[in-house]
Amino acid sequence: MPTPRRSRRFGSSAAHQRLMMANLAASLFAAEAITTSEAKAKHLRPIAEKLITKAKKAQEEGPMQVHRIRQIQAFLGDQEMTYKLVHDVAPRYAERNGGYTRILKMGIRSGDSAKMARIELV
């Protein structure tokens, strides 16, 4: 028997999963709400919240500011979404300590009966 995996792979490799989560996170920051499967939404939540926390820390002046922005850019791979996250989304949560996203369950998808959910920024 192969060793059990620690997390979901969504039917593909770990590299593909990382890129898929990066695209979902970029879409979330662009539209501020997306509809996806419940499993993907639950997997995306901690990733998005860590990116918002890193963007909040990038607001502080200091030697780590550029480093944090570059870390966000390296994960997302989209310069426009990095700019929007750091300059538009993160300042909204300056006084909030976590809990930046909300998952709303929406029912099942008619094609394959997958549980659907809407993840949005609070």
Protein backbone atom coordinates (compact mmCIF):
# COMPACT_ATOMS: atom_id res chain seq x y z
CA MET A 1 0.00 0.00 0.00
CA PRO A 2 1.29 3.49 -0.76
CA THR A 3 1.76 5.94 2.09
CA PRO A 4 -1.44 7.91 2.71
CA ARG A 5 -1.24 11.54 1.66
CA ARG A 6 -1.69 14.31 4.17
CA SER A 7 -3.96 16.47 2.04
CA ARG A 8 -6.22 16.39 -0.99
CA ARG A 9 -4.57 16.32 -4.39
CA PHE A 10 -7.76 16.82 -6.44
CA GLY A 11 -6.77 14.11 -8.90
CA SER A 12 -3.40 15.50 -9.93
CA SER A 13 0.15 16.19 -8.80
CA ALA A 14 1.22 18.48 -6.00
CA ALA A 15 2.61 21.01 -8.49
CA HIS A 16 -0.70 21.16 -10.34
CA GLN A 17 -2.54 21.53 -7.05
CA ARG A 18 -0.34 24.50 -6.04
CA LEU A 19 -0.95 26.22 -9.37
CA MET A 20 -4.69 25.54 -9.16
CA MET A 21 -4.85 27.07 -5.67
CA ALA A 22 -2.83 30.08 -6.88
CA ASN A 23 -5.31 30.61 -9.73
CA LEU A 24 -8.27 30.23 -7.37
CA ALA A 25 -6.72 32.72 -4.93
CA ALA A 26 -6.06 35.22 -7.74
CA SER A 27 -9.67 34.83 -8.91
CA LEU A 28 -10.91 35.31 -5.35
CA PHE A 29 -8.97 38.56 -4.96
CA ALA A 30 -10.06 39.78 -8.40
CA ALA A 31 -13.80 39.13 -7.99
CA GLU A 32 -13.87 39.05 -4.15
CA ALA A 33 -16.20 36.01 -4.35
CA ILE A 34 -16.07 32.79 -6.38
CA THR A 35 -18.18 29.66 -6.64
CA THR A 36 -16.31 26.37 -6.58
CA SER A 37 -16.58 22.91 -5.07
CA GLU A 38 -16.79 22.71 -1.31
CA ALA A 39 -13.54 20.74 -1.05
CA LYS A 40 -11.61 23.31 -3.08
CA ALA A 41 -13.13 26.17 -1.08
CA LYS A 42 -12.10 24.55 2.20
CA HIS A 43 -8.60 23.98 0.86
CA LEU A 44 -8.36 27.55 -0.47
CA ARG A 45 -9.40 29.28 2.76
CA PRO A 46 -6.12 28.94 4.75
CA ILE A 47 -4.07 29.80 1.66
CA ALA A 48 -6.05 33.00 1.00
CA GLU A 49 -5.95 34.02 4.65
CA LYS A 50 -2.18 33.56 4.85
CA LEU A 51 -1.75 35.66 1.70
CA ILE A 52 -3.90 38.44 3.18
CA THR A 53 -1.90 38.32 6.43
CA LYS A 54 1.34 38.55 4.46
CA ALA A 55 -0.08 41.51 2.50
CA LYS A 56 -1.04 43.21 5.77
CA LYS A 57 2.52 42.80 7.02
CA ALA A 58 3.77 44.22 3.70
CA GLN A 59 1.98 47.47 4.60
CA GLU A 60 4.56 48.12 7.34
CA GLU A 61 7.60 50.10 6.30
CA GLY A 62 10.87 48.29 6.79
CA PRO A 63 13.41 45.97 5.24
CA MET A 64 10.94 43.06 4.93
CA GLN A 65 8.32 44.98 2.92
CA VAL A 66 9.72 44.18 -0.53
CA HIS A 67 10.46 40.60 0.50
CA ARG A 68 6.83 39.98 1.52
CA ILE A 69 5.49 41.52 -1.69
CA ARG A 70 7.83 39.30 -3.71
CA GLN A 71 6.66 36.22 -1.77
CA ILE A 72 3.05 37.03 -2.65
CA GLN A 73 4.05 37.63 -6.28
CA ALA A 74 5.93 34.31 -6.37
CA PHE A 75 2.86 32.40 -5.17
CA LEU A 76 0.19 34.16 -7.23
CA GLY A 77 2.25 34.68 -10.38
CA ASP A 78 0.06 37.67 -11.29
CA GLN A 79 1.45 41.16 -10.82
CA GLU A 80 -1.94 42.90 -11.07
CA MET A 81 -3.52 40.68 -8.40
CA THR A 82 -0.49 41.16 -6.16
CA TYR A 83 -0.89 44.93 -6.46
CA LYS A 84 -4.63 44.71 -5.76
CA LEU A 85 -4.08 42.44 -2.76
CA VAL A 86 -1.42 44.65 -1.18
CA HIS A 87 -2.94 48.05 -1.96
CA ASP A 88 -6.72 47.44 -2.00
CA VAL A 89 -7.65 44.27 -0.10
CA ALA A 90 -5.16 44.20 2.79
CA PRO A 91 -5.81 47.77 4.10
CA ARG A 92 -9.48 46.84 4.61
CA TYR A 93 -8.43 44.23 7.18
CA ALA A 94 -5.94 46.37 9.10
CA GLU A 95 -7.97 46.13 12.33
CA ARG A 96 -9.09 42.51 11.85
CA ASN A 97 -7.13 39.57 13.25
CA GLY A 98 -7.96 36.68 10.93
CA GLY A 99 -11.23 35.41 9.56
CA TYR A 100 -10.98 37.24 6.23
CA THR A 101 -13.02 34.73 4.22
CA ARG A 102 -16.47 33.18 4.47
CA ILE A 103 -17.66 29.90 2.93
CA LEU A 104 -21.35 29.56 2.09
CA LYS A 105 -22.63 26.13 1.09
CA MET A 106 -24.83 26.23 -2.01
CA GLY A 107 -26.09 22.69 -2.64
CA ILE A 108 -25.04 20.19 -5.28
CA ARG A 109 -23.93 20.60 -8.89
CA SER A 110 -26.32 18.94 -11.32
CA GLY A 111 -23.63 17.44 -13.57
CA ASP A 112 -21.72 15.30 -11.10
CA SER A 113 -23.50 15.91 -7.75
CA ALA A 114 -20.45 17.68 -6.30
CA LYS A 115 -21.12 19.84 -3.26
CA MET A 116 -20.77 23.50 -4.25
CA ALA A 117 -19.77 26.45 -2.11
CA ARG A 118 -19.22 30.17 -2.48
CA ILE A 119 -16.08 31.59 -0.89
CA GLU A 120 -15.96 35.33 -0.43
CA LEU A 121 -13.98 38.00 1.32
CA VAL A 122 -15.71 39.31 4.44
